[in-house]
Amino acid sequence: MDHTILSTRQREVLDLIVQGRSNKEIARALRISEFTVKEHVRGIFRKLGVTCRAAAAATGALSGTNIFQIMPPRLQYSYDVRVGF
Protein backbone atom coordinates (compact mmCIF):
# COMPACT_ATOMS: atom_id res chain seq x y z
CA MET A 1 0.00 0.00 0.00
CA ASP A 2 1.23 3.50 -0.80
CA HIS A 3 1.52 5.35 2.52
CA THR A 4 2.25 8.65 0.83
CA ILE A 5 -1.53 9.07 0.67
CA LEU A 6 -1.47 10.26 4.28
CA SER A 7 -1.24 13.98 4.89
CA THR A 8 1.70 15.33 6.86
CA ARG A 9 -0.47 15.73 9.95
CA GLN A 10 -1.92 12.24 9.59
CA ARG A 11 1.64 10.88 9.35
CA GLU A 12 2.53 12.71 12.58
CA VAL A 13 -0.53 11.24 14.29
CA LEU A 14 0.33 7.77 12.97
CA ASP A 15 3.90 8.07 14.28
CA LEU A 16 2.50 8.85 17.74
CA ILE A 17 0.06 5.93 17.48
CA VAL A 18 3.05 3.68 16.72
CA GLN A 19 4.59 4.95 19.97
CA GLY A 20 1.47 3.82 21.82
CA ARG A 21 0.20 7.30 22.66
CA SER A 22 -3.46 7.90 23.53
CA ASN A 23 -5.61 10.45 21.71
CA LYS A 24 -5.23 12.81 24.66
CA GLU A 25 -1.43 12.49 24.59
CA ILE A 26 -1.38 13.01 20.83
CA ALA A 27 -3.55 16.12 21.18
CA ARG A 28 -1.17 17.57 23.77
CA ALA A 29 1.94 16.73 21.75
CA LEU A 30 0.57 18.29 18.55
CA ARG A 31 -1.32 21.12 20.28
CA ILE A 32 -4.65 20.23 18.71
CA SER A 33 -7.99 19.16 20.17
CA GLU A 34 -8.85 15.55 20.94
CA PHE A 35 -11.72 15.82 18.46
CA THR A 36 -9.24 16.76 15.72
CA VAL A 37 -7.05 13.80 16.66
CA LYS A 38 -10.08 11.50 16.38
CA GLU A 39 -10.81 12.89 12.92
CA HIS A 40 -7.22 12.26 11.84
CA VAL A 41 -7.35 8.72 13.26
CA ARG A 42 -10.56 8.03 11.30
CA GLY A 43 -8.91 9.33 8.14
CA ILE A 44 -5.83 7.18 8.75
CA PHE A 45 -7.98 4.07 9.27
CA ARG A 46 -9.93 4.78 6.07
CA LYS A 47 -6.83 5.44 3.96
CA LEU A 48 -4.91 2.43 5.30
CA GLY A 49 -7.93 0.13 5.16
CA VAL A 50 -7.69 -0.87 8.82
CA THR A 51 -10.22 -0.90 11.65
CA CYS A 52 -8.13 -0.62 14.83
CA ARG A 53 -5.14 1.24 16.27
CA ALA A 54 -3.02 -1.91 16.48
CA ALA A 55 -3.39 -2.54 12.75
CA ALA A 56 -2.66 1.11 11.98
CA ALA A 57 0.42 1.01 14.24
CA ALA A 58 1.66 -2.19 12.59
CA THR A 59 1.14 -0.68 9.15
CA GLY A 60 2.87 2.53 10.23
CA ALA A 61 5.80 0.62 11.69
CA LEU A 62 6.19 -1.40 8.50
CA SER A 63 5.99 1.67 6.29
CA GLY A 64 9.19 3.22 7.48
CA THR A 65 8.59 4.54 10.96
CA ASN A 66 11.72 3.63 12.83
CA ILE A 67 10.31 2.85 16.25
CA PHE A 68 13.78 2.90 17.79
CA GLN A 69 14.28 6.50 16.72
CA ILE A 70 10.98 7.77 18.08
CA MET A 71 10.83 5.90 21.36
CA PRO A 72 13.03 7.11 24.18
CA PRO A 73 15.84 4.72 25.01
CA ARG A 74 15.43 2.51 28.03
CA LEU A 75 17.62 3.30 30.94
CA GLN A 76 20.48 0.91 31.24
CA TYR A 77 22.12 0.44 34.55
CA SER A 78 25.67 -0.67 34.91
CA TYR A 79 27.44 -1.54 38.06
CA ASP A 80 31.10 -1.04 38.67
CA VAL A 81 32.30 -3.99 40.69
CA ARG A 82 35.60 -3.41 42.40
CA VAL A 83 37.44 -6.33 43.81
CA GLY A 84 40.39 -5.92 46.10
CA PHE A 85 41.26 -3.95 49.13
PDB file of N, CA and C in Angstrom:
ATOM      1  N   MET A   1       0.840  -1.178   0.000  1.00  0.00           N
ATOM      2  CA  MET A   1       0.000   0.000   0.000  1.00  0.00           C
ATOM      3  C   MET A   1       0.888   1.246   0.000  1.00  0.00           C
ATOM      4  N   ASP A   2       0.484   2.261  -0.699  1.00  0.00           N
ATOM      5  CA  ASP A   2       1.229   3.505  -0.800  1.00  0.00           C
ATOM      6  C   ASP A   2       0.868   4.407   0.374  1.00  0.00           C
ATOM      7  N   HIS A   3       1.803   4.562   1.329  1.00  0.00           N
ATOM      8  CA  HIS A   3       1.517   5.349   2.522  1.00  0.00           C
ATOM      9  C   HIS A   3       1.736   6.838   2.311  1.00  0.00           C
ATOM     10  N   THR A   4       2.111   7.233   1.111  1.00  0.00           N
ATOM     11  CA  THR A   4       2.252   8.652   0.827  1.00  0.00           C
ATOM     12  C   THR A   4       0.886   9.309   0.702  1.00  0.00           C
ATOM     13  N   ILE A   5      -0.186   8.511   0.743  1.00  0.00           N
ATOM     14  CA  ILE A   5      -1.529   9.069   0.669  1.00  0.00           C
ATOM     15  C   ILE A   5      -1.914   9.791   1.952  1.00  0.00           C
ATOM     16  N   LEU A   6      -1.178   9.574   3.025  1.00  0.00           N
ATOM     17  CA  LEU A   6      -1.465  10.257   4.282  1.00  0.00           C
ATOM     18  C   LEU A   6      -0.939  11.682   4.228  1.00  0.00           C
ATOM     19  N   SER A   7      -1.721  12.601   4.796  1.00  0.00           N
ATOM     20  CA  SER A   7      -1.241  13.981   4.892  1.00  0.00           C
ATOM     21  C   SER A   7      -0.096  14.044   5.901  1.00  0.00           C
ATOM     22  N   THR A   8       0.591  15.154   5.917  1.00  0.00           N
ATOM     23  CA  THR A   8       1.696  15.327   6.855  1.00  0.00           C
ATOM     24  C   THR A   8       1.206  15.186   8.285  1.00  0.00           C
ATOM     25  N   ARG A   9       0.078  15.800   8.599  1.00  0.00           N
ATOM     26  CA  ARG A   9      -0.467  15.733   9.954  1.00  0.00           C
ATOM     27  C   ARG A   9      -0.912  14.318  10.294  1.00  0.00           C
ATOM     28  N   GLN A  10      -1.516  13.623   9.346  1.00  0.00           N
ATOM     29  CA  GLN A  10      -1.917  12.237   9.589  1.00  0.00           C
ATOM     30  C   GLN A  10      -0.693  11.370   9.843  1.00  0.00           C
ATOM     31  N   ARG A  11       0.402  11.639   9.136  1.00  0.00           N
ATOM     32  CA  ARG A  11       1.635  10.883   9.353  1.00  0.00           C
ATOM     33  C   ARG A  11       2.183  11.136  10.758  1.00  0.00           C
ATOM     34  N   GLU A  12       2.091  12.389  11.216  1.00  0.00           N
ATOM     35  CA  GLU A  12       2.527  12.714  12.575  1.00  0.00           C
ATOM     36  C   GLU A  12       1.684  11.974  13.606  1.00  0.00           C
ATOM     37  N   VAL A  13       0.371  11.957  13.379  1.00  0.00           N
ATOM     38  CA  VAL A  13      -0.527  11.239  14.286  1.00  0.00           C
ATOM     39  C   VAL A  13      -0.209   9.749  14.265  1.00  0.00           C
ATOM     40  N   LEU A  14       0.008   9.189  13.083  1.00  0.00           N
ATOM     41  CA  LEU A  14       0.326   7.768  12.967  1.00  0.00           C
ATOM     42  C   LEU A  14       1.639   7.438  13.692  1.00  0.00           C
ATOM     43  N   ASP A  15       2.630   8.298  13.572  1.00  0.00           N
ATOM     44  CA  ASP A  15       3.896   8.074  14.277  1.00  0.00           C
ATOM     45  C   ASP A  15       3.674   8.009  15.785  1.00  0.00           C
ATOM     46  N   LEU A  16       2.788   8.860  16.303  1.00  0.00           N
ATOM     47  CA  LEU A  16       2.496   8.850  17.736  1.00  0.00           C
ATOM     48  C   LEU A  16       1.660   7.632  18.128  1.00  0.00           C
ATOM     49  N   ILE A  17       0.803   7.166  17.229  1.00  0.00           N
ATOM     50  CA  ILE A  17       0.060   5.926  17.482  1.00  0.00           C
ATOM     51  C   ILE A  17       1.037   4.760  17.576  1.00  0.00           C
ATOM     52  N   VAL A  18       2.025   4.737  16.693  1.00  0.00           N
ATOM     53  CA  VAL A  18       3.045   3.681  16.718  1.00  0.00           C
ATOM     54  C   VAL A  18       3.760   3.681  18.070  1.00  0.00           C
ATOM     55  N   GLN A  19       3.952   4.846  18.659  1.00  0.00           N
ATOM     56  CA  GLN A  19       4.594   4.954  19.965  1.00  0.00           C
ATOM     57  C   GLN A  19       3.686   4.488  21.099  1.00  0.00           C
ATOM     58  N   GLY A  20       2.407   4.268  20.790  1.00  0.00           N
ATOM     59  CA  GLY A  20       1.469   3.821  21.816  1.00  0.00           C
ATOM     60  C   GLY A  20       0.790   4.948  22.562  1.00  0.00           C
ATOM     61  N   ARG A  21       0.809   6.143  22.000  1.00  0.00           N
ATOM     62  CA  ARG A  21       0.205   7.299  22.658  1.00  0.00           C
ATOM     63  C   ARG A  21      -1.314   7.275  22.532  1.00  0.00           C
ATOM     64  N   SER A  22      -2.000   7.783  23.542  1.00  0.00           N
ATOM     65  CA  SER A  22      -3.457   7.897  23.531  1.00  0.00           C
ATOM     66  C   SER A  22      -3.847   9.143  22.741  1.00  0.00           C
ATOM     67  N   ASN A  23      -5.142   9.263  22.425  1.00  0.00           N
ATOM     68  CA  ASN A  23      -5.610  10.452  21.706  1.00  0.00           C
ATOM     69  C   ASN A  23      -5.315  11.715  22.504  1.00  0.00           C
ATOM     70  N   LYS A  24      -5.495  11.646  23.817  1.00  0.00           N
ATOM     71  CA  LYS A  24      -5.232  12.808  24.663  1.00  0.00           C
ATOM     72  C   LYS A  24      -3.752  13.195  24.613  1.00  0.00           C
ATOM     73  N   GLU A  25      -2.873  12.214  24.667  1.00  0.00           N
ATOM     74  CA  GLU A  25      -1.435  12.489  24.594  1.00  0.00           C
ATOM     75  C   GLU A  25      -1.044  13.043  23.233  1.00  0.00           C
ATOM     76  N   ILE A  26      -1.655  12.515  22.182  1.00  0.00           N
ATOM     77  CA  ILE A  26      -1.384  13.012  20.828  1.00  0.00           C
ATOM     78  C   ILE A  26      -1.836  14.458  20.708  1.00  0.00           C
ATOM     79  N   ALA A  27      -3.025  14.750  21.233  1.00  0.00           N
ATOM     80  CA  ALA A  27      -3.549  16.118  21.178  1.00  0.00           C
ATOM     81  C   ALA A  27      -2.605  17.091  21.881  1.00  0.00           C
ATOM     82  N   ARG A  28      -2.111  16.703  23.038  1.00  0.00           N
ATOM     83  CA  ARG A  28      -1.175  17.571  23.772  1.00  0.00           C
ATOM     84  C   ARG A  28       0.128  17.758  23.005  1.00  0.00           C
ATOM     85  N   ALA A  29       0.654  16.665  22.457  1.00  0.00           N
ATOM     86  CA  ALA A  29       1.939  16.731  21.747  1.00  0.00           C
ATOM     87  C   ALA A  29       1.851  17.613  20.507  1.00  0.00           C
ATOM     88  N   LEU A  30       0.712  17.545  19.797  1.00  0.00           N
ATOM     89  CA  LEU A  30       0.568  18.291  18.546  1.00  0.00           C
ATOM     90  C   LEU A  30      -0.159  19.623  18.730  1.00  0.00           C
ATOM     91  N   ARG A  31      -0.602  19.882  19.971  1.00  0.00           N
ATOM     92  CA  ARG A  31      -1.324  21.119  20.284  1.00  0.00           C
ATOM     93  C   ARG A  31      -2.580  21.288  19.436  1.00  0.00           C
ATOM     94  N   ILE A  32      -3.356  20.208  19.392  1.00  0.00           N
ATOM     95  CA  ILE A  32      -4.648  20.231  18.706  1.00  0.00           C
ATOM     96  C   ILE A  32      -5.672  19.606  19.640  1.00  0.00           C
ATOM     97  N   SER A  33      -6.954  19.716  19.301  1.00  0.00           N
ATOM     98  CA  SER A  33      -7.991  19.155  20.169  1.00  0.00           C
ATOM     99  C   SER A  33      -8.078  17.636  20.009  1.00  0.00           C
ATOM    100  N   GLU A  34      -8.644  16.998  21.029  1.00  0.00           N
ATOM    101  CA  GLU A  34      -8.848  15.550  20.945  1.00  0.00           C
ATOM    102  C   GLU A  34      -9.799  15.197  19.804  1.00  0.00           C
ATOM    103  N   PHE A  35     -10.785  16.047  19.563  1.00  0.00           N
ATOM    104  CA  PHE A  35     -11.716  15.823  18.459  1.00  0.00           C
ATOM    105  C   PHE A  35     -10.964  15.793  17.135  1.00  0.00           C
ATOM    106  N   THR A  36     -10.028  16.716  16.954  1.00  0.00           N
ATOM    107  CA  THR A  36      -9.238  16.761  15.721  1.00  0.00           C
ATOM    108  C   THR A  36      -8.387  15.509  15.585  1.00  0.00           C
ATOM    109  N   VAL A  37      -7.831  15.042  16.692  1.00  0.00           N
ATOM    110  CA  VAL A  37      -7.048  13.798  16.662  1.00  0.00           C
ATOM    111  C   VAL A  37      -7.944  12.652  16.206  1.00  0.00           C
ATOM    112  N   LYS A  38      -9.149  12.571  16.754  1.00  0.00           N
ATOM    113  CA  LYS A  38     -10.078  11.499  16.381  1.00  0.00           C
ATOM    114  C   LYS A  38     -10.407  11.548  14.890  1.00  0.00           C
ATOM    115  N   GLU A  39     -10.556  12.743  14.355  1.00  0.00           N
ATOM    116  CA  GLU A  39     -10.813  12.889  12.917  1.00  0.00           C
ATOM    117  C   GLU A  39      -9.616  12.398  12.104  1.00  0.00           C
ATOM    118  N   HIS A  40      -8.418  12.737  12.533  1.00  0.00           N
ATOM    119  CA  HIS A  40      -7.221  12.262  11.837  1.00  0.00           C
ATOM    120  C   HIS A  40      -7.114  10.743  11.914  1.00  0.00           C
ATOM    121  N   VAL A  41      -7.413  10.178  13.088  1.00  0.00           N
ATOM    122  CA  VAL A  41      -7.350   8.721  13.257  1.00  0.00           C
ATOM    123  C   VAL A  41      -8.360   8.048  12.322  1.00  0.00           C
ATOM    124  N   ARG A  42      -9.562   8.589  12.233  1.00  0.00           N
ATOM    125  CA  ARG A  42     -10.560   8.031  11.304  1.00  0.00           C
ATOM    126  C   ARG A  42     -10.055   8.072   9.859  1.00  0.00           C
ATOM    127  N   GLY A  43      -9.451   9.195   9.490  1.00  0.00           N
ATOM    128  CA  GLY A  43      -8.905   9.326   8.141  1.00  0.00           C
ATOM    129  C   GLY A  43      -7.779   8.341   7.875  1.00  0.00           C
ATOM    130  N   ILE A  44      -6.931   8.140   8.874  1.00  0.00           N
ATOM    131  CA  ILE A  44      -5.826   7.176   8.750  1.00  0.00           C
ATOM    132  C   ILE A  44      -6.390   5.775   8.560  1.00  0.00           C
ATOM    133  N   PHE A  45      -7.363   5.399   9.389  1.00  0.00           N
ATOM    134  CA  PHE A  45      -7.984   4.073   9.270  1.00  0.00           C
ATOM    135  C   PHE A  45      -8.559   3.873   7.877  1.00  0.00           C
ATOM    136  N   ARG A  46      -9.282   4.883   7.394  1.00  0.00           N
ATOM    137  CA  ARG A  46      -9.927   4.783   6.074  1.00  0.00           C
ATOM    138  C   ARG A  46      -8.875   4.636   4.969  1.00  0.00           C
ATOM    139  N   LYS A  47      -7.840   5.465   5.014  1.00  0.00           N
ATOM    140  CA  LYS A  47      -6.832   5.437   3.955  1.00  0.00           C
ATOM    141  C   LYS A  47      -5.980   4.175   3.982  1.00  0.00           C
ATOM    142  N   LEU A  48      -5.719   3.643   5.191  1.00  0.00           N
ATOM    143  CA  LEU A  48      -4.907   2.434   5.297  1.00  0.00           C
ATOM    144  C   LEU A  48      -5.735   1.159   5.179  1.00  0.00           C
ATOM    145  N   GLY A  49      -7.058   1.298   5.257  1.00  0.00           N
ATOM    146  CA  GLY A  49      -7.930   0.128   5.156  1.00  0.00           C
ATOM    147  C   GLY A  49      -7.875  -0.752   6.389  1.00  0.00           C
ATOM    148  N   VAL A  50      -7.733  -0.127   7.564  1.00  0.00           N
ATOM    149  CA  VAL A  50      -7.692  -0.873   8.822  1.00  0.00           C
ATOM    150  C   VAL A  50      -8.853  -0.435   9.706  1.00  0.00           C
ATOM    151  N   THR A  51      -9.092  -1.215  10.777  1.00  0.00           N
ATOM    152  CA  THR A  51     -10.220  -0.905  11.655  1.00  0.00           C
ATOM    153  C   THR A  51      -9.829  -0.699  13.117  1.00  0.00           C
ATOM    154  N   CYS A  52      -8.539  -0.818  13.431  1.00  0.00           N
ATOM    155  CA  CYS A  52      -8.134  -0.621  14.829  1.00  0.00           C
ATOM    156  C   CYS A  52      -6.739   0.006  14.892  1.00  0.00           C
ATOM    157  N   ARG A  53      -6.422   0.562  16.065  1.00  0.00           N
ATOM    158  CA  ARG A  53      -5.137   1.242  16.270  1.00  0.00           C
ATOM    159  C   ARG A  53      -3.956   0.294  16.105  1.00  0.00           C
ATOM    160  N   ALA A  54      -4.122  -0.941  16.569  1.00  0.00           N
ATOM    161  CA  ALA A  54      -3.021  -1.907  16.476  1.00  0.00           C
ATOM    162  C   ALA A  54      -2.652  -2.164  15.013  1.00  0.00           C
ATOM    163  N   ALA A  55      -3.660  -2.318  14.175  1.00  0.00           N
ATOM    164  CA  ALA A  55      -3.394  -2.544  12.748  1.00  0.00           C
ATOM    165  C   ALA A  55      -2.760  -1.306  12.115  1.00  0.00           C
ATOM    166  N   ALA A  56      -3.240  -0.132  12.507  1.00  0.00           N
ATOM    167  CA  ALA A  56      -2.657   1.105  11.983  1.00  0.00           C
ATOM    168  C   ALA A  56      -1.207   1.244  12.438  1.00  0.00           C
ATOM    169  N   ALA A  57      -0.944   0.922  13.704  1.00  0.00           N
ATOM    170  CA  ALA A  57       0.420   1.007  14.236  1.00  0.00           C
ATOM    171  C   ALA A  57       1.342   0.026  13.523  1.00  0.00           C
ATOM    172  N   ALA A  58       0.844  -1.193  13.288  1.00  0.00           N
ATOM    173  CA  ALA A  58       1.656  -2.189  12.587  1.00  0.00           C
ATOM    174  C   ALA A  58       1.952  -1.727  11.163  1.00  0.00           C
ATOM    175  N   THR A  59       0.956  -1.178  10.504  1.00  0.00           N
ATOM    176  CA  THR A  59       1.138  -0.681   9.146  1.00  0.00           C
ATOM    177  C   THR A  59       2.114   0.490   9.136  1.00  0.00           C
ATOM    178  N   GLY A  60       1.975   1.379  10.117  1.00  0.00           N
ATOM    179  CA  GLY A  60       2.874   2.527  10.226  1.00  0.00           C
ATOM    180  C   GLY A  60       4.296   2.101  10.495  1.00  0.00           C
ATOM    181  N   ALA A  61       4.466   1.106  11.365  1.00  0.00           N
ATOM    182  CA  ALA A  61       5.804   0.620  11.692  1.00  0.00           C
ATOM    183  C   ALA A  61       6.456  -0.030  10.480  1.00  0.00           C
ATOM    184  N   LEU A  62       5.659  -0.729   9.686  1.00  0.00           N
ATOM    185  CA  LEU A  62       6.195  -1.402   8.503  1.00  0.00           C
ATOM    186  C   LEU A  62       6.477  -0.443   7.360  1.00  0.00           C
ATOM    187  N   SER A  63       5.848   0.739   7.414  1.00  0.00           N
ATOM    188  CA  SER A  63       5.986   1.669   6.294  1.00  0.00           C
ATOM    189  C   SER A  63       7.160   2.621   6.423  1.00  0.00           C
ATOM    190  N   GLY A  64       8.005   2.383   7.407  1.00  0.00           N
ATOM    191  CA  GLY A  64       9.190   3.222   7.477  1.00  0.00           C
ATOM    192  C   GLY A  64       9.360   3.970   8.775  1.00  0.00           C
ATOM    193  N   THR A  65       8.405   3.895   9.674  1.00  0.00           N
ATOM    194  CA  THR A  65       8.588   4.541  10.963  1.00  0.00           C
ATOM    195  C   THR A  65       9.598   3.722  11.740  1.00  0.00           C
ATOM    196  N   ASN A  66      10.696   4.330  12.064  1.00  0.00           N
ATOM    197  CA  ASN A  66      11.719   3.630  12.825  1.00  0.00           C
ATOM    198  C   ASN A  66      11.402   3.789  14.300  1.00  0.00           C
ATOM    199  N   ILE A  67      10.777   2.778  14.877  1.00  0.00           N
ATOM    200  CA  ILE A  67      10.307   2.850  16.255  1.00  0.00           C
ATOM    201  C   ILE A  67      11.449   3.092  17.230  1.00  0.00           C
ATOM    202  N   PHE A  68      12.655   2.696  16.885  1.00  0.00           N
ATOM    203  CA  PHE A  68      13.779   2.897  17.791  1.00  0.00           C
ATOM    204  C   PHE A  68      14.251   4.353  17.782  1.00  0.00           C
ATOM    205  N   GLN A  69      13.924   5.092  16.748  1.00  0.00           N
ATOM    206  CA  GLN A  69      14.281   6.504  16.723  1.00  0.00           C
ATOM    207  C   GLN A  69      13.261   7.350  17.466  1.00  0.00           C
ATOM    208  N   ILE A  70      12.001   6.927  17.482  1.00  0.00           N
ATOM    209  CA  ILE A  70      10.976   7.773  18.078  1.00  0.00           C
ATOM    210  C   ILE A  70      10.683   7.433  19.521  1.00  0.00           C
ATOM    211  N   MET A  71      11.047   6.258  19.974  1.00  0.00           N
ATOM    212  CA  MET A  71      10.828   5.899  21.361  1.00  0.00           C
ATOM    213  C   MET A  71      12.067   6.256  22.171  1.00  0.00           C
ATOM    214  N   PRO A  72      11.859   6.783  23.377  1.00  0.00           N
ATOM    215  CA  PRO A  72      13.029   7.106  24.185  1.00  0.00           C
ATOM    216  C   PRO A  72      13.779   5.838  24.568  1.00  0.00           C
ATOM    217  N   PRO A  73      15.084   5.909  24.661  1.00  0.00           N
ATOM    218  CA  PRO A  73      15.843   4.715  25.011  1.00  0.00           C
ATOM    219  C   PRO A  73      15.550   4.297  26.443  1.00  0.00           C
ATOM    220  N   ARG A  74      15.605   3.013  26.671  1.00  0.00           N
ATOM    221  CA  ARG A  74      15.435   2.510  28.026  1.00  0.00           C
ATOM    222  C   ARG A  74      16.686   2.809  28.823  1.00  0.00           C
ATOM    223  N   LEU A  75      16.473   3.066  30.087  1.00  0.00           N
ATOM    224  CA  LEU A  75      17.624   3.299  30.938  1.00  0.00           C
ATOM    225  C   LEU A  75      18.381   1.997  31.125  1.00  0.00           C
ATOM    226  N   GLN A  76      19.647   2.081  31.017  1.00  0.00           N
ATOM    227  CA  GLN A  76      20.477   0.907  31.236  1.00  0.00           C
ATOM    228  C   GLN A  76      21.362   1.186  32.437  1.00  0.00           C
ATOM    229  N   TYR A  77      21.324   0.289  33.350  1.00  0.00           N
ATOM    230  CA  TYR A  77      22.117   0.444  34.551  1.00  0.00           C
ATOM    231  C   TYR A  77      23.363  -0.411  34.440  1.00  0.00           C
ATOM    232  N   SER A  78      24.448   0.120  34.861  1.00  0.00           N
ATOM    233  CA  SER A  78      25.674  -0.672  34.909  1.00  0.00           C
ATOM    234  C   SER A  78      26.259  -0.519  36.302  1.00  0.00           C
ATOM    235  N   TYR A  79      26.852  -1.543  36.728  1.00  0.00           N
ATOM    236  CA  TYR A  79      27.442  -1.539  38.064  1.00  0.00           C
ATOM    237  C   TYR A  79      28.937  -1.733  37.928  1.00  0.00           C
ATOM    238  N   ASP A  80      29.660  -0.942  38.660  1.00  0.00           N
ATOM    239  CA  ASP A  80      31.105  -1.037  38.668  1.00  0.00           C
ATOM    240  C   ASP A  80      31.481  -1.886  39.878  1.00  0.00           C
ATOM    241  N   VAL A  81      31.933  -3.078  39.622  1.00  0.00           N
ATOM    242  CA  VAL A  81      32.301  -3.989  40.688  1.00  0.00           C
ATOM    243  C   VAL A  81      33.804  -3.884  40.896  1.00  0.00           C
ATOM    244  N   ARG A  82      34.176  -3.517  42.086  1.00  0.00           N
ATOM    245  CA  ARG A  82      35.601  -3.406  42.400  1.00  0.00           C
ATOM    246  C   ARG A  82      35.973  -4.511  43.365  1.00  0.00           C
ATOM    247  N   VAL A  83      36.965  -5.228  42.987  1.00  0.00           N
ATOM    248  CA  VAL A  83      37.439  -6.329  43.807  1.00  0.00           C
ATOM    249  C   VAL A  83      38.825  -5.988  44.297  1.00  0.00           C
ATOM    250  N   GLY A  84      39.060  -6.213  45.540  1.00  0.00           N
ATOM    251  CA  GLY A  84      40.386  -5.925  46.098  1.00  0.00           C
ATOM    252  C   GLY A  84      40.284  -4.883  47.180  1.00  0.00           C
ATOM    253  N   PHE A  85      41.290  -4.871  48.003  1.00  0.00           N
ATOM    254  CA  PHE A  85      41.258  -3.950  49.133  1.00  0.00           C
ATOM    255  C   PHE A  85      42.451  -3.065  49.147  1.00  0.00           C
TER     256      PHE A  85
END
